Amino acid sequence: MLKAAVIGLGDISKIHIPIIQENPNVELVAVCDIDEALKDAVPGVHFYTDYHVMIEEEELDCVHVCLPHYLHLHATKACVEKGIHVLQEKPLALNTEEGLELVKLEAEHPDVKICICFQNRYNETFETLQEIAASGTYGKVIGVKGLVTWFRPKNYYDVKPWRGMMEYAGGGVMINQSIHTLDLMHLLGGEIKELKGTISNLLDYGIEVEDTATAHIKYKNGATGLFFATNANFGNSSVELQVVLEKAKFTIKDSILTRLNEDGIKERMVEDAKMPGSKFYYGASHMKLINQFYSSIANNTSDYVHVKDALPSIQIIDAIRTSSELNKEIKLEV
């Protein structure tokens, strides 16, 4: 029986904790949060307010890091240096510099596994689309489009001010809401040669981070990409991911993968499992990712999202920000 703990009892921990508790091969033994009012939030487990104390006192196999972005590097490093496997929520880090520190940490501790929570890689629609694109059946990839049109009220930042501060969040809509889409666009399009991007704020919230971002991407294989994300929509619309191949067009929207056939009719191919509740746009693949990681720990395999796999998403975000600041195309090796 693997023993697990969770650091951070915010919104995303409510996804992780039930999955841990439902896994028959894992026991949740401890949780940690600086808010002592949460000491009874998870009955039957030890509660800590300092994760350094928790990892010293508990015999742990895996820790879930569900903290604000600026704490990811520090908490993950503390656990890994104690020989504890880590399942860390996205983003990988605040920026590329911190991301490279985690890459180095992963390399220095080859026996300790660090999984980054890019659960949308495990959506049935994306797995099918990735297989189709890689097969060559419909020719090579010509274009990739990713659209994220969501809404966040001012209260979203007022309740947790760190979300609106560059020092603590590392960005806004790119790093917080649409990083999964950038990750999937990179997987589908391949290595990126250069991009030009813009960031801006359409809502007058007085925050430091962007609420809207765009980018035109040139992939090394000759394909082009268009990325658009905003938190200034009227509500949370479905993420759209589209791939144009030489002989067909495929679109994921409303959690359904469709192919546009020769007659201009959309053929339904596969639909994602849905997570109950209002935050349907989270997707339902946290369970697949988390359980697969525990299987990797138990069987000592490497079938999970490594630090090095998650680094490109941060490099792309940094490049879009730099491109916007300099108002020019940025070359990058991602």
Protein backbone atom coordinates (compact mmCIF):
# COMPACT_ATOMS: atom_id res chain seq x y z
CA MET A 1 0.00 0.00 0.00
CA LEU A 2 1.48 3.32 -1.11
CA LYS A 3 1.20 6.16 1.37
CA ALA A 4 0.28 9.58 0.02
CA ALA A 5 -0.13 13.16 1.21
CA VAL A 6 -1.47 16.39 -0.26
CA ILE A 7 0.09 19.83 0.20
CA GLY A 8 -2.43 22.62 -0.33
CA LEU A 9 -6.17 22.26 0.26
CA GLY A 10 -7.40 24.77 -2.31
CA ASP A 11 -9.81 24.17 -5.20
CA ILE A 12 -7.72 21.65 -7.15
CA SER A 13 -7.13 19.44 -4.10
CA LYS A 14 -10.84 18.61 -4.21
CA ILE A 15 -10.14 16.80 -7.48
CA HIS A 16 -7.05 14.97 -6.22
CA ILE A 17 -8.21 13.80 -2.80
CA PRO A 18 -11.22 11.69 -3.85
CA ILE A 19 -9.13 10.00 -6.56
CA ILE A 20 -6.44 9.08 -4.02
CA GLN A 21 -9.08 7.78 -1.60
CA GLU A 22 -10.75 5.66 -4.28
CA ASN A 23 -7.50 3.95 -5.32
CA PRO A 24 -7.34 0.59 -3.48
CA ASN A 25 -3.54 0.57 -3.64
CA VAL A 26 -3.04 4.00 -2.05
CA GLU A 27 -3.69 5.35 1.43
CA LEU A 28 -4.03 9.09 2.05
CA VAL A 29 -2.29 9.54 5.40
CA ALA A 30 -1.72 13.31 5.67
CA VAL A 31 -2.67 16.72 4.31
CA CYS A 32 -1.08 20.13 4.76
CA ASP A 33 -2.31 23.70 4.55
CA ILE A 34 -1.30 26.92 6.28
CA ASP A 35 -4.96 27.57 7.13
CA GLU A 36 -5.61 25.84 10.47
CA ALA A 37 -9.35 26.24 9.89
CA LEU A 38 -9.02 23.37 7.40
CA LYS A 39 -7.73 20.87 9.95
CA ASP A 40 -10.96 18.85 9.75
CA ALA A 41 -11.40 19.22 5.99
CA VAL A 42 -10.23 15.66 5.35
CA PRO A 43 -11.35 13.37 8.20
CA GLY A 44 -9.19 10.49 9.30
CA VAL A 45 -5.82 11.82 8.19
CA HIS A 46 -3.04 13.76 9.91
CA PHE A 47 -3.14 17.52 9.39
CA TYR A 48 -0.07 19.76 9.18
CA THR A 49 0.48 23.47 8.64
CA ASP A 50 4.13 23.04 7.57
CA TYR A 51 4.96 20.59 4.80
CA HIS A 52 8.59 20.38 5.92
CA VAL A 53 7.38 18.94 9.21
CA MET A 54 4.98 16.61 7.41
CA ILE A 55 7.60 15.04 5.15
CA GLU A 56 9.91 14.56 8.14
CA GLU A 57 7.32 12.92 10.39
CA GLU A 58 5.38 10.83 7.86
CA GLU A 59 6.59 7.82 5.88
CA LEU A 60 5.45 8.89 2.43
CA ASP A 61 5.72 7.38 -1.03
CA CYS A 62 4.09 10.24 -2.93
CA VAL A 63 3.08 13.83 -2.31
CA HIS A 64 0.58 15.81 -4.38
CA VAL A 65 1.65 19.45 -4.69
CA CYS A 66 -1.54 21.50 -5.07
CA LEU A 67 -0.13 24.89 -4.13
CA PRO A 68 -0.07 28.34 -5.76
CA HIS A 69 2.40 28.54 -8.65
CA TYR A 70 5.23 30.30 -6.81
CA LEU A 71 5.48 27.43 -4.31
CA HIS A 72 5.69 24.57 -6.82
CA LEU A 73 9.47 24.53 -7.19
CA HIS A 74 10.16 24.80 -3.47
CA ALA A 75 7.69 22.12 -2.34
CA THR A 76 8.62 19.69 -5.11
CA LYS A 77 12.34 20.14 -4.40
CA ALA A 78 11.85 19.51 -0.68
CA CYS A 79 9.97 16.28 -1.35
CA VAL A 80 12.30 14.97 -4.05
CA GLU A 81 15.36 15.59 -1.90
CA LYS A 82 13.70 13.41 0.75
CA GLY A 83 13.26 10.64 -1.82
CA ILE A 84 9.49 11.14 -2.11
CA HIS A 85 7.77 10.89 -5.50
CA VAL A 86 5.80 13.99 -6.49
CA LEU A 87 2.64 14.58 -8.47
CA GLN A 88 2.74 18.32 -9.08
CA GLU A 89 -0.14 20.37 -10.41
CA LYS A 90 0.43 22.61 -13.40
CA PRO A 91 2.17 24.85 -14.20
CA LEU A 92 5.62 23.31 -14.03
CA ALA A 93 7.04 26.57 -12.67
CA LEU A 94 6.71 30.36 -12.74
CA ASN A 95 9.04 30.71 -15.72
CA THR A 96 11.66 28.94 -17.82
CA GLU A 97 14.44 29.66 -15.33
CA GLU A 98 12.57 27.85 -12.55
CA GLY A 99 11.52 25.14 -14.99
CA LEU A 100 15.16 24.42 -15.80
CA GLU A 101 15.85 24.06 -12.06
CA LEU A 102 13.22 21.34 -11.93
CA VAL A 103 14.71 19.67 -15.02
CA LYS A 104 18.05 19.61 -13.21
CA LEU A 105 16.39 18.27 -10.05
CA GLU A 106 14.77 15.45 -12.04
CA ALA A 107 18.12 14.54 -13.61
CA GLU A 108 19.93 14.56 -10.25
CA HIS A 109 17.36 12.20 -8.67
CA PRO A 110 16.70 9.52 -11.31
CA ASP A 111 15.09 7.19 -8.76
CA VAL A 112 12.47 9.76 -7.74
CA LYS A 113 9.54 10.33 -10.08
CA ILE A 114 8.07 13.80 -10.71
CA CYS A 115 4.79 13.84 -12.64
CA ILE A 116 3.32 17.13 -13.88
CA CYS A 117 -0.48 17.20 -14.02
CA PHE A 118 -1.22 17.69 -17.71
CA GLN A 119 -4.30 15.51 -17.51
CA ASN A 120 -5.78 16.65 -20.83
CA ARG A 121 -3.17 14.54 -22.59
CA TYR A 122 -5.25 11.60 -21.36
CA ASN A 123 -8.59 12.78 -22.76
CA GLU A 124 -10.01 10.18 -25.14
CA THR A 125 -10.47 12.82 -27.84
CA PHE A 126 -6.87 13.98 -27.69
CA GLU A 127 -5.40 10.47 -27.51
CA THR A 128 -7.37 9.56 -30.65
CA LEU A 129 -6.39 12.78 -32.45
CA GLN A 130 -2.72 12.32 -31.56
CA GLU A 131 -2.77 8.77 -32.93
CA ILE A 132 -4.40 9.94 -36.17
CA ALA A 133 -1.90 12.78 -36.64
CA ALA A 134 1.08 10.51 -35.94
CA SER A 135 -0.16 7.72 -38.25
CA GLY A 136 0.24 9.73 -41.43
CA THR A 137 -3.03 8.29 -42.76
CA TYR A 138 -4.29 11.76 -43.68
CA GLY A 139 -0.91 13.26 -44.50
CA LYS A 140 1.24 15.64 -42.52
CA VAL A 141 0.09 18.38 -40.15
CA ILE A 142 -0.48 21.71 -41.92
CA GLY A 143 -2.07 23.80 -39.17
CA VAL A 144 -2.99 23.71 -35.48
CA LYS A 145 -5.50 26.00 -33.78
CA GLY A 146 -6.17 26.34 -30.05
CA LEU A 147 -8.95 28.55 -28.63
CA VAL A 148 -9.73 29.09 -24.94
CA THR A 149 -12.55 31.58 -24.32
CA TRP A 150 -13.40 31.62 -20.62
CA PHE A 151 -14.45 34.16 -18.01
CA ARG A 152 -13.04 35.05 -14.62
CA PRO A 153 -14.83 37.69 -12.50
CA LYS A 154 -12.89 40.28 -10.53
CA ASN A 155 -13.73 38.35 -7.39
CA TYR A 156 -11.60 35.47 -8.69
CA TYR A 157 -8.53 37.66 -8.16
CA ASP A 158 -9.83 39.48 -5.08
CA VAL A 159 -10.38 36.25 -3.12
CA LYS A 160 -6.88 34.96 -3.95
CA PRO A 161 -4.76 38.05 -4.81
CA TRP A 162 -1.72 35.95 -5.78
CA ARG A 163 -3.55 35.01 -8.99
CA GLY A 164 -3.25 38.58 -10.25
CA MET A 165 0.40 39.13 -9.32
CA MET A 166 3.28 38.24 -11.65
CA GLU A 167 5.61 37.47 -8.75
CA TYR A 168 3.32 34.73 -7.47
CA ALA A 169 1.34 33.55 -10.51
CA GLY A 170 3.90 33.92 -13.30
CA GLY A 171 1.15 35.14 -15.62
CA GLY A 172 -2.57 35.06 -16.16
CA VAL A 173 -4.67 33.34 -18.78
CA MET A 174 -1.67 31.66 -20.42
CA ILE A 175 -0.16 29.98 -17.38
CA ASN A 176 -3.36 29.48 -15.40
CA GLN A 177 -6.19 28.70 -17.80
CA SER A 178 -4.76 27.81 -21.22
CA ILE A 179 -1.44 26.11 -20.47
CA HIS A 180 -3.04 22.74 -21.23
CA THR A 181 -3.99 23.95 -24.71
CA LEU A 182 -0.45 25.18 -25.39
CA ASP A 183 0.87 21.81 -24.22
CA LEU A 184 -1.43 19.91 -26.61
CA MET A 185 -0.65 22.27 -29.51
CA HIS A 186 3.05 21.55 -28.99
CA LEU A 187 2.44 17.80 -28.94
CA LEU A 188 0.44 17.95 -32.18
CA GLY A 189 2.55 20.45 -34.12
CA GLY A 190 5.97 19.36 -32.95
CA GLU A 191 9.00 21.53 -32.31
CA ILE A 192 8.47 25.27 -32.64
CA LYS A 193 10.86 27.42 -34.69
CA GLU A 194 9.50 30.88 -33.90
CA LEU A 195 6.38 32.75 -32.88
CA LYS A 196 4.92 36.22 -32.58
CA GLY A 197 2.49 36.94 -29.78
CA THR A 198 0.61 39.62 -27.90
CA ILE A 199 -0.73 39.86 -24.37
CA SER A 200 -3.21 42.40 -23.06
CA ASN A 201 -5.97 43.11 -20.57
CA LEU A 202 -9.49 43.58 -21.83
CA LEU A 203 -11.00 43.73 -18.35
CA ASP A 204 -10.27 46.62 -16.00
CA TYR A 205 -9.41 44.57 -12.91
CA GLY A 206 -6.17 46.33 -11.97
CA ILE A 207 -4.18 43.08 -12.06
CA GLU A 208 -0.59 42.62 -13.21
CA VAL A 209 -1.19 39.46 -15.23
CA GLU A 210 -2.71 39.23 -18.71
CA ASP A 211 -6.32 38.22 -19.29
CA THR A 212 -5.93 37.81 -23.07
CA ALA A 213 -3.17 36.35 -25.24
CA THR A 214 -2.63 35.52 -28.91
CA ALA A 215 0.17 33.92 -30.87
CA HIS A 216 1.05 32.96 -34.43
CA ILE A 217 3.33 29.94 -34.32
CA LYS A 218 5.72 28.55 -36.93
CA TYR A 219 6.60 24.90 -36.38
CA LYS A 220 9.87 23.41 -37.61
CA ASN A 221 7.99 20.97 -39.85
CA GLY A 222 6.44 23.85 -41.80
CA ALA A 223 3.05 23.84 -40.09
CA THR A 224 1.59 27.00 -38.59
CA GLY A 225 -0.39 27.48 -35.41
CA LEU A 226 -2.88 30.00 -34.05
CA PHE A 227 -3.39 30.36 -30.32
CA PHE A 228 -6.01 32.59 -28.69
CA ALA A 229 -6.99 32.65 -25.02
CA THR A 230 -9.01 35.05 -22.91
CA ASN A 231 -10.69 35.34 -19.53
CA ALA A 232 -12.90 38.14 -20.86
CA ASN A 233 -15.61 36.00 -22.43
CA PHE A 234 -19.22 36.13 -21.15
CA GLY A 235 -18.78 32.64 -19.66
CA ASN A 236 -16.72 29.49 -19.95
CA SER A 237 -17.06 28.14 -23.47
CA SER A 238 -15.64 24.83 -24.63
CA VAL A 239 -11.95 24.75 -25.47
CA GLU A 240 -11.44 24.18 -29.20
CA LEU A 241 -8.46 22.34 -30.62
CA GLN A 242 -8.25 21.86 -34.37
CA VAL A 243 -5.71 20.12 -36.55
CA VAL A 244 -5.65 20.41 -40.32
CA LEU A 245 -3.87 17.57 -42.09
CA GLU A 246 -3.20 17.35 -45.82
CA LYS A 247 -6.29 15.19 -46.40
CA ALA A 248 -8.62 15.96 -43.48
CA LYS A 249 -9.60 18.39 -40.74
CA PHE A 250 -10.17 17.26 -37.15
CA THR A 251 -11.70 19.32 -34.34
CA ILE A 252 -12.13 18.77 -30.62
CA LYS A 253 -14.96 20.90 -29.26
CA ASP A 254 -17.55 20.29 -26.55
CA SER A 255 -15.40 17.29 -25.56
CA ILE A 256 -16.14 15.58 -28.90
CA LEU A 257 -13.66 14.79 -31.70
CA THR A 258 -15.08 15.23 -35.19
CA ARG A 259 -13.73 14.80 -38.71
CA LEU A 260 -14.91 16.98 -41.56
CA ASN A 261 -15.58 14.52 -44.38
CA GLU A 262 -15.46 15.01 -48.15
CA ASP A 263 -19.10 16.14 -48.19
CA GLY A 264 -18.53 18.87 -45.65
CA ILE A 265 -20.28 16.91 -42.90
CA LYS A 266 -18.80 16.55 -39.42
CA GLU A 267 -18.42 12.91 -38.46
CA ARG A 268 -18.44 12.26 -34.72
CA MET A 269 -15.51 10.02 -33.72
CA VAL A 270 -15.17 9.89 -29.92
CA GLU A 271 -16.36 11.78 -26.83
CA ASP A 272 -14.52 12.41 -23.58
CA ALA A 273 -15.75 11.15 -20.27
CA LYS A 274 -17.16 14.12 -18.37
CA MET A 275 -16.55 15.23 -14.82
CA PRO A 276 -19.77 16.05 -12.96
CA GLY A 277 -20.35 19.58 -11.72
CA SER A 278 -20.11 23.08 -13.10
CA LYS A 279 -16.39 22.97 -13.91
CA PHE A 280 -16.90 20.59 -16.82
CA TYR A 281 -14.08 22.32 -18.68
CA TYR A 282 -11.53 20.77 -16.29
CA GLY A 283 -11.99 17.50 -18.13
CA ALA A 284 -12.24 14.11 -16.46
CA SER A 285 -8.77 12.70 -16.97
CA HIS A 286 -7.21 13.57 -13.61
CA MET A 287 -8.16 10.07 -12.50
CA LYS A 288 -6.39 8.45 -15.46
CA LEU A 289 -3.24 10.51 -14.94
CA ILE A 290 -3.10 10.05 -11.16
CA ASN A 291 -3.80 6.32 -11.20
CA GLN A 292 -1.29 5.77 -13.99
CA PHE A 293 1.34 7.62 -11.96
CA TYR A 294 0.72 5.38 -8.96
CA SER A 295 1.03 2.39 -11.26
CA SER A 296 4.35 3.80 -12.49
CA ILE A 297 5.55 4.07 -8.89
CA ALA A 298 4.43 0.56 -8.02
CA ASN A 299 5.92 -1.01 -11.16
CA ASN A 300 8.89 1.36 -11.52
CA THR A 301 8.00 2.47 -15.05
CA SER A 302 8.40 5.86 -16.71
CA ASP A 303 4.94 6.18 -18.27
CA TYR A 304 3.93 9.61 -16.96
CA VAL A 305 4.38 13.32 -17.80
CA HIS A 306 7.96 14.15 -16.84
CA VAL A 307 9.37 17.57 -15.96
CA LYS A 308 11.16 17.71 -19.31
CA ASP A 309 7.84 17.03 -21.06
CA ALA A 310 6.20 20.00 -19.34
CA LEU A 311 9.04 22.49 -19.88
CA PRO A 312 8.04 23.51 -23.45
CA SER A 313 4.71 24.92 -22.24
CA ILE A 314 6.56 27.36 -19.98
CA GLN A 315 9.07 28.25 -22.70
CA ILE A 316 6.23 29.03 -25.11
CA ILE A 317 4.50 31.26 -22.54
CA ASP A 318 7.72 33.15 -21.88
CA ALA A 319 8.29 33.57 -25.63
CA ILE A 320 4.77 34.97 -26.18
CA ARG A 321 5.29 37.43 -23.34
CA THR A 322 8.70 38.51 -24.65
CA SER A 323 7.36 38.82 -28.20
CA SER A 324 4.57 41.07 -26.96
CA GLU A 325 6.95 43.26 -24.98
CA LEU A 326 9.39 43.64 -27.89
CA ASN A 327 6.73 43.61 -30.61
CA LYS A 328 8.71 41.20 -32.75
CA GLU A 329 8.97 37.54 -33.69
CA ILE A 330 10.88 35.37 -31.23
CA LYS A 331 13.03 32.43 -32.29
CA LEU A 332 13.04 29.48 -29.92
CA GLU A 333 14.15 25.87 -29.79
CA VAL A 334 11.11 24.16 -28.27
